[in-house]
Protein backbone atom coordinates (compact mmCIF):
# COMPACT_ATOMS: atom_id res chain seq x y z
CA MET A 1 56.32 -7.24 129.84
CA THR A 2 53.90 -5.65 127.84
CA TRP A 3 50.89 -7.37 126.86
CA ILE A 4 49.08 -7.38 123.67
CA ASP A 5 45.52 -8.19 123.15
CA GLY A 6 44.57 -8.89 119.41
CA PHE A 7 41.07 -9.28 117.93
CA VAL A 8 39.59 -10.17 114.29
CA ILE A 9 36.13 -9.40 113.77
CA PRO A 10 33.73 -9.56 111.44
CA VAL A 11 31.77 -5.67 111.04
CA PRO A 12 28.73 -5.37 108.35
CA GLU A 13 30.64 -2.92 106.45
CA ALA A 14 26.86 -0.46 106.52
CA ARG A 15 27.45 -0.37 110.36
CA ARG A 16 30.97 0.84 109.98
CA ALA A 17 30.27 4.31 111.82
CA ASP A 18 28.79 2.81 114.32
CA TYR A 19 30.85 0.60 115.27
CA ALA A 20 33.96 3.53 115.32
CA ALA A 21 31.57 5.36 117.86
CA MET A 22 31.49 2.07 119.83
CA ALA A 23 34.91 1.95 119.83
CA GLU A 24 35.73 5.24 120.47
CA LYS A 25 33.63 4.87 123.84
CA VAL A 26 35.15 1.30 125.03
CA GLY A 27 38.58 2.44 124.14
CA GLN A 28 38.51 5.20 126.30
CA ILE A 29 36.83 2.70 128.92
CA PHE A 30 40.57 -0.02 128.67
CA LEU A 31 42.40 3.23 128.94
CA ASP A 32 40.50 4.03 131.52
CA HIS A 33 41.64 0.77 133.56
CA GLY A 34 45.18 0.31 132.28
CA ALA A 35 45.86 -0.23 129.11
CA THR A 36 48.06 1.94 127.63
CA GLN A 37 47.09 1.55 123.58
CA VAL A 38 43.90 0.84 121.67
CA ILE A 39 43.96 0.47 117.95
CA GLU A 40 41.00 0.07 115.87
CA SER A 41 41.89 -0.37 112.28
CA TRP A 42 39.25 -1.28 109.30
CA GLY A 43 40.57 -3.67 106.84
CA ALA A 44 40.78 -1.51 103.46
CA ASP A 45 43.36 -4.01 101.94
CA VAL A 46 42.23 -7.65 102.67
CA PRO A 47 42.82 -9.80 99.89
CA HIS A 48 41.45 -13.51 99.75
CA GLY A 49 44.17 -15.98 99.94
CA LYS A 50 44.20 -19.58 98.89
CA VAL A 51 44.76 -21.44 102.12
CA THR A 52 43.28 -18.79 104.80
CA ASP A 53 43.17 -15.48 104.88
CA PHE A 54 41.16 -12.87 108.30
CA HIS A 55 37.98 -13.51 105.66
CA ARG A 56 37.63 -17.07 106.56
CA ALA A 57 38.98 -17.01 110.06
CA VAL A 58 36.01 -15.38 110.82
CA ALA A 59 33.82 -16.65 108.28
CA ALA A 60 33.40 -13.44 107.08
CA GLU A 61 29.99 -12.70 104.67
CA PRO A 62 29.18 -11.06 101.86
CA GLY A 63 28.63 -7.36 102.94
CA GLU A 64 30.93 -7.52 106.04
CA GLY A 65 34.04 -5.23 106.77
CA ILE A 66 37.27 -6.73 108.40
CA VAL A 67 37.97 -5.00 112.01
CA PHE A 68 41.33 -5.53 113.37
CA SER A 69 42.28 -4.27 117.10
CA LEU A 70 45.03 -4.41 119.44
CA ILE A 71 44.79 -3.34 123.19
CA VAL A 72 47.99 -2.92 124.92
CA TRP A 73 48.40 -3.51 128.26
CA PRO A 74 51.70 -2.76 130.44
CA SER A 75 51.99 -6.52 131.69
CA ARG A 76 49.64 -9.26 131.78
CA ASP A 77 48.43 -9.06 135.34
CA VAL A 78 47.52 -5.40 134.57
CA ALA A 79 45.46 -6.60 131.82
CA THR A 80 43.86 -9.47 133.72
CA ALA A 81 42.75 -7.02 136.05
CA GLY A 82 41.70 -3.87 133.35
CA HIS A 83 39.30 -6.47 131.72
CA LYS A 84 37.76 -7.67 135.26
CA ALA A 85 37.41 -3.66 135.78
CA VAL A 86 36.32 -2.79 132.12
CA PHE A 87 33.29 -5.27 132.00
CA ALA A 88 32.39 -4.26 135.89
CA ASP A 89 32.28 -0.71 134.55
CA PRO A 90 28.67 1.04 134.06
CA ARG A 91 30.24 2.83 130.86
CA MET A 92 30.06 -0.66 128.95
CA ALA A 93 26.55 -0.41 129.20
CA ASP A 94 26.08 3.58 127.04
CA ALA A 95 28.87 1.96 124.92
CA GLY A 96 27.40 1.40 122.29
CA ASP A 97 25.28 -1.43 120.44
CA MET A 98 27.48 -4.57 120.24
CA THR A 99 25.41 -6.93 118.69
CA MET A 100 26.28 -5.72 115.53
CA PHE A 101 28.98 -8.01 114.98
CA ASN A 102 28.80 -11.83 115.40
CA SER A 103 31.30 -12.49 118.32
CA GLN A 104 31.06 -16.08 117.93
CA ARG A 105 33.08 -15.24 114.84
CA MET A 106 35.48 -13.18 116.42
CA ILE A 107 38.76 -14.48 116.78
CA MET A 108 41.57 -13.20 120.13
CA GLY A 109 44.21 -14.18 121.92
CA GLY A 110 46.98 -12.36 124.34
CA PHE A 111 50.22 -12.08 123.09
CA GLU A 112 53.53 -11.22 124.86
CA GLN A 113 55.39 -8.47 122.94
CA LEU A 114 58.22 -10.02 121.24
CA LEU A 115 59.66 -6.32 119.31
CA TRP A 116 57.92 -3.25 118.80
CA MET A 117 60.13 -1.11 116.79
CA GLY A 118 59.60 2.96 115.73
CA ASP A 119 57.61 4.96 117.99
CA ARG A 120 55.52 3.67 120.69
CA THR A 121 52.67 7.04 120.69
């Protein structure tokens, strides 16, 4: 069953290009270790809600954008092995400055696919 890792990350708006460059390098490493898709998206229309929202979820500060990321795997077992391999991969040391965002404010989780409609390419 398809497994999806989901992430929401606050990233300084001034570091958007740096984040994109780092994400491309890291994304390739995930693909090399079994992920089938890596999707990185920068919030362009992320409203502030009355009760909760993406900004509150990650305690975003003024001047931070919201990144929404997905990594798609063939299965949970492949994802588990892939994560171990990614973080052991020596290319991660040169992937970029991951201190540009506060990982303590990142939210993440693993999800079993319920439905996927449309193009998967």
